[in-house]
Protein backbone atom coordinates (compact mmCIF):
# COMPACT_ATOMS: atom_id res chain seq x y z
CA UNK A 1 82.33 97.67 84.45
CA UNK A 2 81.17 93.88 84.47
CA UNK A 3 77.77 94.78 85.90
CA UNK A 4 77.52 97.21 83.11
CA UNK A 5 78.05 94.34 80.15
CA UNK A 6 76.31 92.13 82.20
CA UNK A 7 73.48 94.31 81.62
CA UNK A 8 74.23 94.90 78.24
CA UNK A 9 74.60 91.38 77.06
CA UNK A 10 71.00 90.20 79.02
CA UNK A 11 69.28 93.08 77.05
CA UNK A 12 70.93 92.32 73.85
CA UNK A 13 69.93 88.16 74.40
CA UNK A 14 65.99 89.84 75.19
CA UNK A 15 66.51 91.26 72.15
CA UNK A 16 66.81 88.14 70.04
CA UNK A 17 64.44 85.99 71.68
CA UNK A 18 61.96 89.04 71.52
CA UNK A 19 62.43 89.24 67.37
CA UNK A 20 62.51 85.78 67.20
CA UNK A 21 58.60 85.71 69.42
CA UNK A 22 57.08 88.66 66.74
CA UNK A 23 57.97 86.78 64.08
CA UNK A 24 57.21 83.19 64.80
CA UNK A 25 54.56 83.63 67.48
CA UNK A 26 53.81 80.20 69.13
CA UNK A 27 53.30 79.44 72.32
CA UNK A 28 55.62 76.48 72.60
CA UNK A 29 57.72 78.93 71.44
CA UNK A 30 57.20 81.38 73.64
CA UNK A 31 57.48 78.72 77.10
CA UNK A 32 60.64 78.18 76.06
CA UNK A 33 62.13 81.77 75.08
CA UNK A 34 60.17 82.66 78.42
CA UNK A 35 62.17 79.79 80.27
CA UNK A 36 65.36 80.71 78.71
CA UNK A 37 65.21 83.93 79.82
CA UNK A 38 64.47 83.51 83.13
CA UNK A 39 67.14 80.89 83.72
CA UNK A 40 69.66 83.82 81.85
CA UNK A 41 68.55 86.31 84.09
CA UNK A 42 69.34 84.34 87.70
CA UNK A 43 72.93 82.90 86.28
CA UNK A 44 73.82 86.61 85.33
CA UNK A 45 72.21 88.04 88.33
CA UNK A 46 71.30 86.53 91.45
CA UNK A 47 73.17 82.84 91.04
CA UNK A 48 76.76 85.30 90.31
CA UNK A 49 77.20 88.22 91.80
CA UNK A 50 79.61 90.66 89.33
CA UNK A 51 82.83 91.59 92.26
CA UNK A 52 82.94 95.42 92.21
């Protein structure tokens, strides 16, 4: 159950940041959003494995 909620939370974060990028397409903002998504991916899926 925790894995499903983690995936849903990551999809919502990516959706929110995707809207930001499409409404305001700037290179510097895109880099910051890319780093944010990579850090969230690492934290949610690599660093801490959900206990099943």
